[in-house]
């Protein structure tokens, strides 16, 4: 378990267990005492993340191997609505950061 915040390198504490996955998999979370970021207690490395998103994410959190067409459509509509709300506030050529990009619909439309 990591006791270091991935954002500010502060100390984390207060391990909390939350069943967040559709399959009931427990997720352990910690809170940074300095900046307040809530993160996984055991932060995976890049290789572990790549393997998880490639092989396990959709099945664990969405309970399916492939997205249903209506879910893709709904995510696209939602992304287009968010982009239209942001457009008046974005300077041409300015970069956007989509944290937790999900299926990537917003990033795709913004690009």
PDB file of N, CA and C in Angstrom:
ATOM      1  N   UNK A   1       0.827  -1.191   0.000  1.00  0.00           N
ATOM      2  CA  UNK A   1       0.000   0.000   0.000  1.00  0.00           C
ATOM      3  C   UNK A   1       0.868   1.250   0.000  1.00  0.00           C
ATOM      4  N   UNK A   2       0.433   2.209  -0.767  1.00  0.00           N
ATOM      5  CA  UNK A   2       1.155   3.461  -0.854  1.00  0.00           C
ATOM      6  C   UNK A   2       0.635   4.417   0.215  1.00  0.00           C
ATOM      7  N   UNK A   3       1.551   5.043   0.946  1.00  0.00           N
ATOM      8  CA  UNK A   3       1.165   6.050   1.921  1.00  0.00           C
ATOM      9  C   UNK A   3       1.539   7.443   1.436  1.00  0.00           C
ATOM     10  N   UNK A   4       1.844   7.567   0.134  1.00  0.00           N
ATOM     11  CA  UNK A   4       2.269   8.828  -0.460  1.00  0.00           C
ATOM     12  C   UNK A   4       1.217   9.287  -1.475  1.00  0.00           C
ATOM     13  N   UNK A   5       0.836  10.540  -1.401  1.00  0.00           N
ATOM     14  CA  UNK A   5      -0.129  11.129  -2.335  1.00  0.00           C
ATOM     15  C   UNK A   5       0.493  11.244  -3.726  1.00  0.00           C
ATOM     16  N   UNK A   6      -0.244  10.841  -4.741  1.00  0.00           N
ATOM     17  CA  UNK A   6       0.271  10.913  -6.109  1.00  0.00           C
ATOM     18  C   UNK A   6       0.238  12.339  -6.662  1.00  0.00           C
ATOM     19  N   UNK A   7      -0.468  13.253  -5.992  1.00  0.00           N
ATOM     20  CA  UNK A   7      -0.548  14.636  -6.465  1.00  0.00           C
ATOM     21  C   UNK A   7       0.501  15.543  -5.819  1.00  0.00           C
ATOM     22  N   UNK A   8       0.674  15.427  -4.492  1.00  0.00           N
ATOM     23  CA  UNK A   8       1.551  16.382  -3.798  1.00  0.00           C
ATOM     24  C   UNK A   8       2.649  15.723  -2.985  1.00  0.00           C
ATOM     25  N   UNK A   9       2.708  14.402  -2.970  1.00  0.00           N
ATOM     26  CA  UNK A   9       3.691  13.610  -2.208  1.00  0.00           C
ATOM     27  C   UNK A   9       3.486  13.732  -0.702  1.00  0.00           C
ATOM     28  N   UNK A  10       2.299  14.214  -0.300  1.00  0.00           N
ATOM     29  CA  UNK A  10       1.973  14.272   1.126  1.00  0.00           C
ATOM     30  C   UNK A  10       1.648  12.888   1.658  1.00  0.00           C
ATOM     31  N   UNK A  11       1.389  12.820   2.956  1.00  0.00           N
ATOM     32  CA  UNK A  11       1.081  11.549   3.609  1.00  0.00           C
ATOM     33  C   UNK A  11      -0.414  11.253   3.464  1.00  0.00           C
ATOM     34  N   UNK A  12      -0.741   9.999   3.150  1.00  0.00           N
ATOM     35  CA  UNK A  12      -2.146   9.597   3.062  1.00  0.00           C
ATOM     36  C   UNK A  12      -2.513   8.759   4.277  1.00  0.00           C
ATOM     37  N   UNK A  13      -3.800   8.800   4.622  1.00  0.00           N
ATOM     38  CA  UNK A  13      -4.284   8.008   5.744  1.00  0.00           C
ATOM     39  C   UNK A  13      -5.776   7.780   5.584  1.00  0.00           C
ATOM     40  N   UNK A  14      -6.345   7.096   6.558  1.00  0.00           N
ATOM     41  CA  UNK A  14      -7.784   6.905   6.571  1.00  0.00           C
ATOM     42  C   UNK A  14      -8.270   5.938   5.516  1.00  0.00           C
ATOM     43  N   UNK A  15      -7.727   4.733   5.494  1.00  0.00           N
ATOM     44  CA  UNK A  15      -8.135   3.724   4.517  1.00  0.00           C
ATOM     45  C   UNK A  15      -9.629   3.436   4.664  1.00  0.00           C
ATOM     46  N   UNK A  16     -10.347   3.545   3.570  1.00  0.00           N
ATOM     47  CA  UNK A  16     -11.780   3.291   3.548  1.00  0.00           C
ATOM     48  C   UNK A  16     -12.061   2.251   2.479  1.00  0.00           C
ATOM     49  N   UNK A  17     -12.868   1.277   2.793  1.00  0.00           N
ATOM     50  CA  UNK A  17     -13.227   0.263   1.806  1.00  0.00           C
ATOM     51  C   UNK A  17     -14.574   0.610   1.209  1.00  0.00           C
ATOM     52  N   UNK A  18     -14.623   0.546  -0.116  1.00  0.00           N
ATOM     53  CA  UNK A  18     -15.855   0.859  -0.829  1.00  0.00           C
ATOM     54  C   UNK A  18     -16.056  -0.196  -1.905  1.00  0.00           C
ATOM     55  N   UNK A  19     -17.241  -0.765  -1.997  1.00  0.00           N
ATOM     56  CA  UNK A  19     -17.544  -1.717  -3.059  1.00  0.00           C
ATOM     57  C   UNK A  19     -18.107  -0.921  -4.221  1.00  0.00           C
ATOM     58  N   UNK A  20     -17.274  -0.606  -5.200  1.00  0.00           N
ATOM     59  CA  UNK A  20     -17.644   0.294  -6.276  1.00  0.00           C
ATOM     60  C   UNK A  20     -17.886  -0.427  -7.591  1.00  0.00           C
ATOM     61  N   UNK A  21     -17.318  -1.593  -7.732  1.00  0.00           N
ATOM     62  CA  UNK A  21     -17.441  -2.323  -8.991  1.00  0.00           C
ATOM     63  C   UNK A  21     -18.772  -3.060  -9.031  1.00  0.00           C
ATOM     64  N   UNK A  22     -19.261  -3.286 -10.234  1.00  0.00           N
ATOM     65  CA  UNK A  22     -20.523  -4.018 -10.412  1.00  0.00           C
ATOM     66  C   UNK A  22     -20.445  -5.402  -9.806  1.00  0.00           C
ATOM     67  N   UNK A  23     -19.228  -5.980  -9.791  1.00  0.00           N
ATOM     68  CA  UNK A  23     -19.083  -7.330  -9.251  1.00  0.00           C
ATOM     69  C   UNK A  23     -18.850  -7.326  -7.745  1.00  0.00           C
ATOM     70  N   UNK A  24     -18.911  -6.134  -7.095  1.00  0.00           N
ATOM     71  CA  UNK A  24     -18.744  -6.036  -5.658  1.00  0.00           C
ATOM     72  C   UNK A  24     -17.300  -6.056  -5.191  1.00  0.00           C
ATOM     73  N   UNK A  25     -16.355  -5.952  -6.113  1.00  0.00           N
ATOM     74  CA  UNK A  25     -14.943  -5.938  -5.758  1.00  0.00           C
ATOM     75  C   UNK A  25     -14.667  -4.777  -4.804  1.00  0.00           C
ATOM     76  N   UNK A  26     -14.063  -5.062  -3.646  1.00  0.00           N
ATOM     77  CA  UNK A  26     -13.767  -3.958  -2.725  1.00  0.00           C
ATOM     78  C   UNK A  26     -12.664  -3.059  -3.261  1.00  0.00           C
ATOM     79  N   UNK A  27     -12.828  -1.758  -3.057  1.00  0.00           N
ATOM     80  CA  UNK A  27     -11.857  -0.770  -3.496  1.00  0.00           C
ATOM     81  C   UNK A  27     -11.399  -0.021  -2.245  1.00  0.00           C
ATOM     82  N   UNK A  28     -10.090  -0.076  -1.944  1.00  0.00           N
ATOM     83  CA  UNK A  28      -9.553   0.632  -0.789  1.00  0.00           C
ATOM     84  C   UNK A  28      -9.089   2.022  -1.190  1.00  0.00           C
ATOM     85  N   UNK A  29      -9.566   3.036  -0.478  1.00  0.00           N
ATOM     86  CA  UNK A  29      -9.234   4.428  -0.770  1.00  0.00           C
ATOM     87  C   UNK A  29      -8.509   5.060   0.409  1.00  0.00           C
ATOM     88  N   UNK A  30      -7.653   6.029   0.113  1.00  0.00           N
ATOM     89  CA  UNK A  30      -6.949   6.805   1.130  1.00  0.00           C
ATOM     90  C   UNK A  30      -7.114   8.280   0.806  1.00  0.00           C
ATOM     91  N   UNK A  31      -6.998   9.116   1.821  1.00  0.00           N
ATOM     92  CA  UNK A  31      -7.110  10.562   1.647  1.00  0.00           C
ATOM     93  C   UNK A  31      -5.788  11.218   2.038  1.00  0.00           C
ATOM     94  N   UNK A  32      -5.333  12.154   1.215  1.00  0.00           N
ATOM     95  CA  UNK A  32      -4.095  12.891   1.504  1.00  0.00           C
ATOM     96  C   UNK A  32      -4.359  13.891   2.626  1.00  0.00           C
ATOM     97  N   UNK A  33      -3.481  13.895   3.617  1.00  0.00           N
ATOM     98  CA  UNK A  33      -3.615  14.815   4.744  1.00  0.00           C
ATOM     99  C   UNK A  33      -3.254  16.246   4.363  1.00  0.00           C
ATOM    100  N   UNK A  34      -2.516  16.413   3.244  1.00  0.00           N
ATOM    101  CA  UNK A  34      -2.092  17.754   2.832  1.00  0.00           C
ATOM    102  C   UNK A  34      -3.064  18.412   1.866  1.00  0.00           C
ATOM    103  N   UNK A  35      -3.370  17.726   0.737  1.00  0.00           N
ATOM    104  CA  UNK A  35      -4.190  18.364  -0.301  1.00  0.00           C
ATOM    105  C   UNK A  35      -5.618  17.838  -0.379  1.00  0.00           C
ATOM    106  N   UNK A  36      -5.914  16.726   0.316  1.00  0.00           N
ATOM    107  CA  UNK A  36      -7.268  16.195   0.339  1.00  0.00           C
ATOM    108  C   UNK A  36      -7.623  15.270  -0.807  1.00  0.00           C
ATOM    109  N   UNK A  37      -6.673  14.974  -1.698  1.00  0.00           N
ATOM    110  CA  UNK A  37      -6.955  14.063  -2.807  1.00  0.00           C
ATOM    111  C   UNK A  37      -7.333  12.693  -2.273  1.00  0.00           C
ATOM    112  N   UNK A  38      -8.389  12.129  -2.812  1.00  0.00           N
ATOM    113  CA  UNK A  38      -8.765  10.753  -2.494  1.00  0.00           C
ATOM    114  C   UNK A  38      -8.242   9.889  -3.623  1.00  0.00           C
ATOM    115  N   UNK A  39      -7.476   8.868  -3.269  1.00  0.00           N
ATOM    116  CA  UNK A  39      -6.848   8.003  -4.271  1.00  0.00           C
ATOM    117  C   UNK A  39      -6.937   6.557  -3.824  1.00  0.00           C
ATOM    118  N   UNK A  40      -6.641   5.658  -4.747  1.00  0.00           N
ATOM    119  CA  UNK A  40      -6.540   4.260  -4.376  1.00  0.00           C
ATOM    120  C   UNK A  40      -5.456   4.102  -3.324  1.00  0.00           C
ATOM    121  N   UNK A  41      -5.677   3.240  -2.343  1.00  0.00           N
ATOM    122  CA  UNK A  41      -4.654   3.010  -1.326  1.00  0.00           C
ATOM    123  C   UNK A  41      -3.433   2.334  -1.922  1.00  0.00           C
ATOM    124  N   UNK A  42      -3.654   1.462  -2.874  1.00  0.00           N
ATOM    125  CA  UNK A  42      -2.553   0.765  -3.534  1.00  0.00           C
ATOM    126  C   UNK A  42      -2.541   1.206  -4.995  1.00  0.00           C
ATOM    127  N   UNK A  43      -1.806   2.271  -5.296  1.00  0.00           N
ATOM    128  CA  UNK A  43      -1.786   2.845  -6.636  1.00  0.00           C
ATOM    129  C   UNK A  43      -1.018   1.927  -7.581  1.00  0.00           C
ATOM    130  N   UNK A  44      -1.674   1.461  -8.652  1.00  0.00           N
ATOM    131  CA  UNK A  44      -0.987   0.575  -9.599  1.00  0.00           C
ATOM    132  C   UNK A  44       0.045   1.333 -10.443  1.00  0.00           C
ATOM    133  N   UNK A  45       1.053   0.604 -10.921  1.00  0.00           N
ATOM    134  CA  UNK A  45       2.027   1.238 -11.819  1.00  0.00           C
ATOM    135  C   UNK A  45       1.461   1.251 -13.240  1.00  0.00           C
ATOM    136  N   UNK A  46       2.171   1.867 -14.177  1.00  0.00           N
ATOM    137  CA  UNK A  46       1.683   2.027 -15.550  1.00  0.00           C
ATOM    138  C   UNK A  46       1.381   0.685 -16.220  1.00  0.00           C
ATOM    139  N   UNK A  47       2.229  -0.295 -16.010  1.00  0.00           N
ATOM    140  CA  UNK A  47       2.011  -1.609 -16.624  1.00  0.00           C
ATOM    141  C   UNK A  47       0.753  -2.277 -16.072  1.00  0.00           C
ATOM    142  N   UNK A  48       0.552  -2.187 -14.760  1.00  0.00           N
ATOM    143  CA  UNK A  48      -0.652  -2.755 -14.144  1.00  0.00           C
ATOM    144  C   UNK A  48      -1.903  -2.040 -14.642  1.00  0.00           C
ATOM    145  N   UNK A  49      -1.838  -0.712 -14.777  1.00  0.00           N
ATOM    146  CA  UNK A  49      -2.978   0.042 -15.295  1.00  0.00           C
ATOM    147  C   UNK A  49      -3.316  -0.366 -16.725  1.00  0.00           C
ATOM    148  N   UNK A  50      -2.299  -0.454 -17.569  1.00  0.00           N
ATOM    149  CA  UNK A  50      -2.520  -0.825 -18.969  1.00  0.00           C
ATOM    150  C   UNK A  50      -3.181  -2.191 -19.052  1.00  0.00           C
ATOM    151  N   UNK A  51      -2.697  -3.140 -18.278  1.00  0.00           N
ATOM    152  CA  UNK A  51      -3.265  -4.495 -18.282  1.00  0.00           C
ATOM    153  C   UNK A  51      -4.704  -4.474 -17.781  1.00  0.00           C
ATOM    154  N   UNK A  52      -4.974  -3.717 -16.713  1.00  0.00           N
ATOM    155  CA  UNK A  52      -6.328  -3.658 -16.166  1.00  0.00           C
ATOM    156  C   UNK A  52      -7.316  -3.084 -17.178  1.00  0.00           C
ATOM    157  N   UNK A  53      -6.970  -1.937 -17.775  1.00  0.00           N
ATOM    158  CA  UNK A  53      -7.896  -1.320 -18.731  1.00  0.00           C
ATOM    159  C   UNK A  53      -8.038  -2.147 -19.997  1.00  0.00           C
ATOM    160  N   UNK A  54      -7.012  -2.849 -20.389  1.00  0.00           N
ATOM    161  CA  UNK A  54      -7.081  -3.694 -21.580  1.00  0.00           C
ATOM    162  C   UNK A  54      -7.937  -4.940 -21.330  1.00  0.00           C
ATOM    163  N   UNK A  55      -7.774  -5.575 -20.165  1.00  0.00           N
ATOM    164  CA  UNK A  55      -8.358  -6.895 -19.946  1.00  0.00           C
ATOM    165  C   UNK A  55      -9.517  -6.961 -18.956  1.00  0.00           C
ATOM    166  N   UNK A  56      -9.615  -6.016 -18.027  1.00  0.00           N
ATOM    167  CA  UNK A  56     -10.556  -6.204 -16.918  1.00  0.00           C
ATOM    168  C   UNK A  56     -11.579  -5.086 -16.703  1.00  0.00           C
ATOM    169  N   UNK A  57     -11.234  -3.845 -17.046  1.00  0.00           N
ATOM    170  CA  UNK A  57     -12.065  -2.702 -16.669  1.00  0.00           C
ATOM    171  C   UNK A  57     -13.534  -2.869 -17.070  1.00  0.00           C
ATOM    172  N   UNK A  58     -13.782  -3.071 -18.342  1.00  0.00           N
ATOM    173  CA  UNK A  58     -15.162  -3.106 -18.822  1.00  0.00           C
ATOM    174  C   UNK A  58     -15.957  -4.207 -18.128  1.00  0.00           C
ATOM    175  N   UNK A  59     -15.359  -5.372 -17.955  1.00  0.00           N
ATOM    176  CA  UNK A  59     -16.062  -6.488 -17.316  1.00  0.00           C
ATOM    177  C   UNK A  59     -16.312  -6.190 -15.833  1.00  0.00           C
ATOM    178  N   UNK A  60     -15.323  -5.608 -15.155  1.00  0.00           N
ATOM    179  CA  UNK A  60     -15.440  -5.345 -13.729  1.00  0.00           C
ATOM    180  C   UNK A  60     -16.433  -4.231 -13.427  1.00  0.00           C
ATOM    181  N   UNK A  61     -16.354  -3.109 -14.151  1.00  0.00           N
ATOM    182  CA  UNK A  61     -17.178  -1.953 -13.811  1.00  0.00           C
ATOM    183  C   UNK A  61     -18.424  -1.799 -14.666  1.00  0.00           C
ATOM    184  N   UNK A  62     -18.455  -2.402 -15.822  1.00  0.00           N
ATOM    185  CA  UNK A  62     -19.621  -2.269 -16.701  1.00  0.00           C
ATOM    186  C   UNK A  62     -20.384  -3.577 -16.852  1.00  0.00           C
ATOM    187  N   UNK A  63     -19.807  -4.663 -16.335  1.00  0.00           N
ATOM    188  CA  UNK A  63     -20.429  -5.982 -16.373  1.00  0.00           C
ATOM    189  C   UNK A  63     -20.703  -6.471 -17.797  1.00  0.00           C
ATOM    190  N   UNK A  64     -19.818  -6.103 -18.722  1.00  0.00           N
ATOM    191  CA  UNK A  64     -19.938  -6.535 -20.113  1.00  0.00           C
ATOM    192  C   UNK A  64     -18.564  -6.485 -20.768  1.00  0.00           C
ATOM    193  N   UNK A  65     -18.414  -7.206 -21.864  1.00  0.00           N
ATOM    194  CA  UNK A  65     -17.143  -7.179 -22.593  1.00  0.00           C
ATOM    195  C   UNK A  65     -17.090  -6.065 -23.632  1.00  0.00           C
ATOM    196  N   UNK A  66     -18.243  -5.695 -24.180  1.00  0.00           N
ATOM    197  CA  UNK A  66     -18.295  -4.664 -25.209  1.00  0.00           C
ATOM    198  C   UNK A  66     -19.444  -3.700 -24.897  1.00  0.00           C
ATOM    199  N   UNK A  67     -19.271  -2.426 -25.231  1.00  0.00           N
ATOM    200  CA  UNK A  67     -20.340  -1.463 -24.947  1.00  0.00           C
ATOM    201  C   UNK A  67     -21.545  -1.681 -25.862  1.00  0.00           C
ATOM    202  N   UNK A  68     -22.719  -1.393 -25.336  1.00  0.00           N
ATOM    203  CA  UNK A  68     -23.941  -1.482 -26.130  1.00  0.00           C
ATOM    204  C   UNK A  68     -24.081  -0.201 -26.959  1.00  0.00           C
ATOM    205  N   UNK A  69     -24.609  -0.297 -28.184  1.00  0.00           N
ATOM    206  CA  UNK A  69     -24.736   0.887 -29.052  1.00  0.00           C
ATOM    207  C   UNK A  69     -25.451   2.063 -28.390  1.00  0.00           C
ATOM    208  N   UNK A  70     -26.510   1.799 -27.614  1.00  0.00           N
ATOM    209  CA  UNK A  70     -27.227   2.923 -26.993  1.00  0.00           C
ATOM    210  C   UNK A  70     -26.384   3.607 -25.914  1.00  0.00           C
ATOM    211  N   UNK A  71     -25.470   2.870 -25.271  1.00  0.00           N
ATOM    212  CA  UNK A  71     -24.567   3.496 -24.301  1.00  0.00           C
ATOM    213  C   UNK A  71     -23.551   4.391 -25.011  1.00  0.00           C
ATOM    214  N   UNK A  72     -23.065   3.947 -26.148  1.00  0.00           N
ATOM    215  CA  UNK A  72     -22.123   4.751 -26.933  1.00  0.00           C
ATOM    216  C   UNK A  72     -22.810   6.032 -27.398  1.00  0.00           C
ATOM    217  N   UNK A  73     -24.026   5.910 -27.901  1.00  0.00           N
ATOM    218  CA  UNK A  73     -24.789   7.073 -28.367  1.00  0.00           C
ATOM    219  C   UNK A  73     -25.028   8.061 -27.220  1.00  0.00           C
ATOM    220  N   UNK A  74     -25.474   7.535 -26.070  1.00  0.00           N
ATOM    221  CA  UNK A  74     -25.756   8.389 -24.910  1.00  0.00           C
ATOM    222  C   UNK A  74     -24.491   9.118 -24.452  1.00  0.00           C
ATOM    223  N   UNK A  75     -23.352   8.416 -24.419  1.00  0.00           N
ATOM    224  CA  UNK A  75     -22.088   9.046 -24.015  1.00  0.00           C
ATOM    225  C   UNK A  75     -21.682  10.125 -25.016  1.00  0.00           C
ATOM    226  N   UNK A  76     -21.926   9.888 -26.307  1.00  0.00           N
ATOM    227  CA  UNK A  76     -21.610  10.878 -27.332  1.00  0.00           C
ATOM    228  C   UNK A  76     -22.453  12.128 -27.207  1.00  0.00           C
ATOM    229  N   UNK A  77     -23.740  11.954 -26.950  1.00  0.00           N
ATOM    230  CA  UNK A  77     -24.644  13.097 -26.767  1.00  0.00           C
ATOM    231  C   UNK A  77     -24.221  13.904 -25.542  1.00  0.00           C
ATOM    232  N   UNK A  78     -23.917  13.225 -24.460  1.00  0.00           N
ATOM    233  CA  UNK A  78     -23.481  13.896 -23.234  1.00  0.00           C
ATOM    234  C   UNK A  78     -22.183  14.672 -23.469  1.00  0.00           C
ATOM    235  N   UNK A  79     -21.252  14.075 -24.187  1.00  0.00           N
ATOM    236  CA  UNK A  79     -19.978  14.741 -24.493  1.00  0.00           C
ATOM    237  C   UNK A  79     -20.210  15.980 -25.345  1.00  0.00           C
ATOM    238  N   UNK A  80     -21.080  15.886 -26.338  1.00  0.00           N
ATOM    239  CA  UNK A  80     -21.377  17.035 -27.206  1.00  0.00           C
ATOM    240  C   UNK A  80     -22.010  18.169 -26.403  1.00  0.00           C
ATOM    241  N   UNK A  81     -22.887  17.833 -25.450  1.00  0.00           N
ATOM    242  CA  UNK A  81     -23.513  18.853 -24.610  1.00  0.00           C
ATOM    243  C   UNK A  81     -22.480  19.551 -23.733  1.00  0.00           C
ATOM    244  N   UNK A  82     -21.568  18.781 -23.126  1.00  0.00           N
ATOM    245  CA  UNK A  82     -20.518  19.380 -22.291  1.00  0.00           C
ATOM    246  C   UNK A  82     -19.609  20.272 -23.114  1.00  0.00           C
ATOM    247  N   UNK A  83     -19.276  19.816 -24.310  1.00  0.00           N
ATOM    248  CA  UNK A  83     -18.397  20.603 -25.177  1.00  0.00           C
ATOM    249  C   UNK A  83     -19.066  21.920 -25.576  1.00  0.00           C
ATOM    250  N   UNK A  84     -20.363  21.886 -25.864  1.00  0.00           N
ATOM    251  CA  UNK A  84     -21.055  23.124 -26.250  1.00  0.00           C
ATOM    252  C   UNK A  84     -21.100  24.108 -25.082  1.00  0.00           C
ATOM    253  N   UNK A  85     -21.166  23.631 -23.844  1.00  0.00           N
ATOM    254  CA  UNK A  85     -21.136  24.511 -22.679  1.00  0.00           C
ATOM    255  C   UNK A  85     -19.759  25.144 -22.479  1.00  0.00           C
ATOM    256  N   UNK A  86     -18.712  24.396 -22.822  1.00  0.00           N
ATOM    257  CA  UNK A  86     -17.350  24.889 -22.633  1.00  0.00           C
ATOM    258  C   UNK A  86     -16.864  25.783 -23.765  1.00  0.00           C
ATOM    259  N   UNK A  87     -17.382  25.558 -24.967  1.00  0.00           N
ATOM    260  CA  UNK A  87     -16.860  26.234 -26.157  1.00  0.00           C
ATOM    261  C   UNK A  87     -16.714  27.752 -26.013  1.00  0.00           C
ATOM    262  N   UNK A  88     -17.684  28.451 -25.442  1.00  0.00           N
ATOM    263  CA  UNK A  88     -17.535  29.903 -25.315  1.00  0.00           C
ATOM    264  C   UNK A  88     -16.381  30.329 -24.404  1.00  0.00           C
ATOM    265  N   UNK A  89     -15.874  29.411 -23.589  1.00  0.00           N
ATOM    266  CA  UNK A  89     -14.835  29.741 -22.621  1.00  0.00           C
ATOM    267  C   UNK A  89     -13.442  29.264 -23.043  1.00  0.00           C
ATOM    268  N   UNK A  90     -13.355  28.632 -24.195  1.00  0.00           N
ATOM    269  CA  UNK A  90     -12.082  28.075 -24.656  1.00  0.00           C
ATOM    270  C   UNK A  90     -11.531  28.939 -25.792  1.00  0.00           C
ATOM    271  N   UNK A  91     -10.298  29.365 -25.630  1.00  0.00           N
ATOM    272  CA  UNK A  91      -9.608  30.151 -26.649  1.00  0.00           C
ATOM    273  C   UNK A  91      -9.114  29.200 -27.742  1.00  0.00           C
ATOM    274  N   UNK A  92      -9.313  29.523 -29.031  1.00  0.00           N
ATOM    275  CA  UNK A  92      -8.816  28.643 -30.097  1.00  0.00           C
ATOM    276  C   UNK A  92      -7.335  28.335 -29.913  1.00  0.00           C
ATOM    277  N   UNK A  93      -6.998  27.058 -30.036  1.00  0.00           N
ATOM    278  CA  UNK A  93      -5.620  26.603 -29.860  1.00  0.00           C
ATOM    279  C   UNK A  93      -5.296  26.217 -28.423  1.00  0.00           C
ATOM    280  N   UNK A  94      -6.188  26.563 -27.490  1.00  0.00           N
ATOM    281  CA  UNK A  94      -5.985  26.224 -26.085  1.00  0.00           C
ATOM    282  C   UNK A  94      -6.174  24.728 -25.887  1.00  0.00           C
ATOM    283  N   UNK A  95      -5.452  24.145 -24.947  1.00  0.00           N
ATOM    284  CA  UNK A  95      -5.558  22.715 -24.666  1.00  0.00           C
ATOM    285  C   UNK A  95      -6.605  22.468 -23.586  1.00  0.00           C
ATOM    286  N   UNK A  96      -7.253  21.308 -23.675  1.00  0.00           N
ATOM    287  CA  UNK A  96      -8.202  20.869 -22.657  1.00  0.00           C
ATOM    288  C   UNK A  96      -7.677  19.576 -22.051  1.00  0.00           C
ATOM    289  N   UNK A  97      -7.913  19.384 -20.775  1.00  0.00           N
ATOM    290  CA  UNK A  97      -7.558  18.143 -20.106  1.00  0.00           C
ATOM    291  C   UNK A  97      -8.848  17.483 -19.640  1.00  0.00           C
ATOM    292  N   UNK A  98      -9.075  16.273 -20.082  1.00  0.00           N
ATOM    293  CA  UNK A  98     -10.251  15.516 -19.683  1.00  0.00           C
ATOM    294  C   UNK A  98      -9.805  14.470 -18.672  1.00  0.00           C
ATOM    295  N   UNK A  99     -10.009  14.743 -17.400  1.00  0.00           N
ATOM    296  CA  UNK A  99      -9.619  13.819 -16.339  1.00  0.00           C
ATOM    297  C   UNK A  99     -10.721  12.784 -16.169  1.00  0.00           C
ATOM    298  N   UNK A 100     -10.338  11.520 -16.226  1.00  0.00           N
ATOM    299  CA  UNK A 100     -11.335  10.461 -16.146  1.00  0.00           C
ATOM    300  C   UNK A 100     -12.121  10.391 -17.439  1.00  0.00           C
ATOM    301  N   UNK A 101     -11.430  10.288 -18.546  1.00  0.00           N
ATOM    302  CA  UNK A 101     -12.013  10.425 -19.876  1.00  0.00           C
ATOM    303  C   UNK A 101     -12.985   9.316 -20.258  1.00  0.00           C
ATOM    304  N   UNK A 102     -13.145   8.309 -19.434  1.00  0.00           N
ATOM    305  CA  UNK A 102     -14.104   7.249 -19.741  1.00  0.00           C
ATOM    306  C   UNK A 102     -13.851   6.624 -21.091  1.00  0.00           C
ATOM    307  N   UNK A 103     -14.855   6.629 -21.938  1.00  0.00           N
ATOM    308  CA  UNK A 103     -14.732   6.046 -23.279  1.00  0.00           C
ATOM    309  C   UNK A 103     -14.033   6.961 -24.269  1.00  0.00           C
ATOM    310  N   UNK A 104     -13.738   8.190 -23.887  1.00  0.00           N
ATOM    311  CA  UNK A 104     -13.005   9.112 -24.727  1.00  0.00           C
ATOM    312  C   UNK A 104     -13.849   9.929 -25.680  1.00  0.00           C
ATOM    313  N   UNK A 105     -15.162   9.880 -25.544  1.00  0.00           N
ATOM    314  CA  UNK A 105     -16.037  10.603 -26.472  1.00  0.00           C
ATOM    315  C   UNK A 105     -15.791  12.110 -26.435  1.00  0.00           C
ATOM    316  N   UNK A 106     -15.671  12.682 -25.221  1.00  0.00           N
ATOM    317  CA  UNK A 106     -15.444  14.118 -25.102  1.00  0.00           C
ATOM    318  C   UNK A 106     -14.106  14.500 -25.728  1.00  0.00           C
ATOM    319  N   UNK A 107     -13.054  13.745 -25.412  1.00  0.00           N
ATOM    320  CA  UNK A 107     -11.733  14.029 -25.972  1.00  0.00           C
ATOM    321  C   UNK A 107     -11.755  13.948 -27.494  1.00  0.00           C
ATOM    322  N   UNK A 108     -12.466  12.978 -28.011  1.00  0.00           N
ATOM    323  CA  UNK A 108     -12.564  12.798 -29.456  1.00  0.00           C
ATOM    324  C   UNK A 108     -13.253  14.007 -30.102  1.00  0.00           C
ATOM    325  N   UNK A 109     -14.379  14.416 -29.543  1.00  0.00           N
ATOM    326  CA  UNK A 109     -15.125  15.545 -30.106  1.00  0.00           C
ATOM    327  C   UNK A 109     -14.376  16.863 -29.930  1.00  0.00           C
ATOM    328  N   UNK A 110     -13.661  17.015 -28.830  1.00  0.00           N
ATOM    329  CA  UNK A 110     -12.916  18.250 -28.586  1.00  0.00           C
ATOM    330  C   UNK A 110     -11.686  18.365 -29.491  1.00  0.00           C
ATOM    331  N   UNK A 111     -11.169  17.238 -29.938  1.00  0.00           N
ATOM    332  CA  UNK A 111      -9.949  17.231 -30.769  1.00  0.00           C
ATOM    333  C   UNK A 111     -10.242  17.713 -32.126  1.00  0.00           C
TER     334      UNK A 111
END
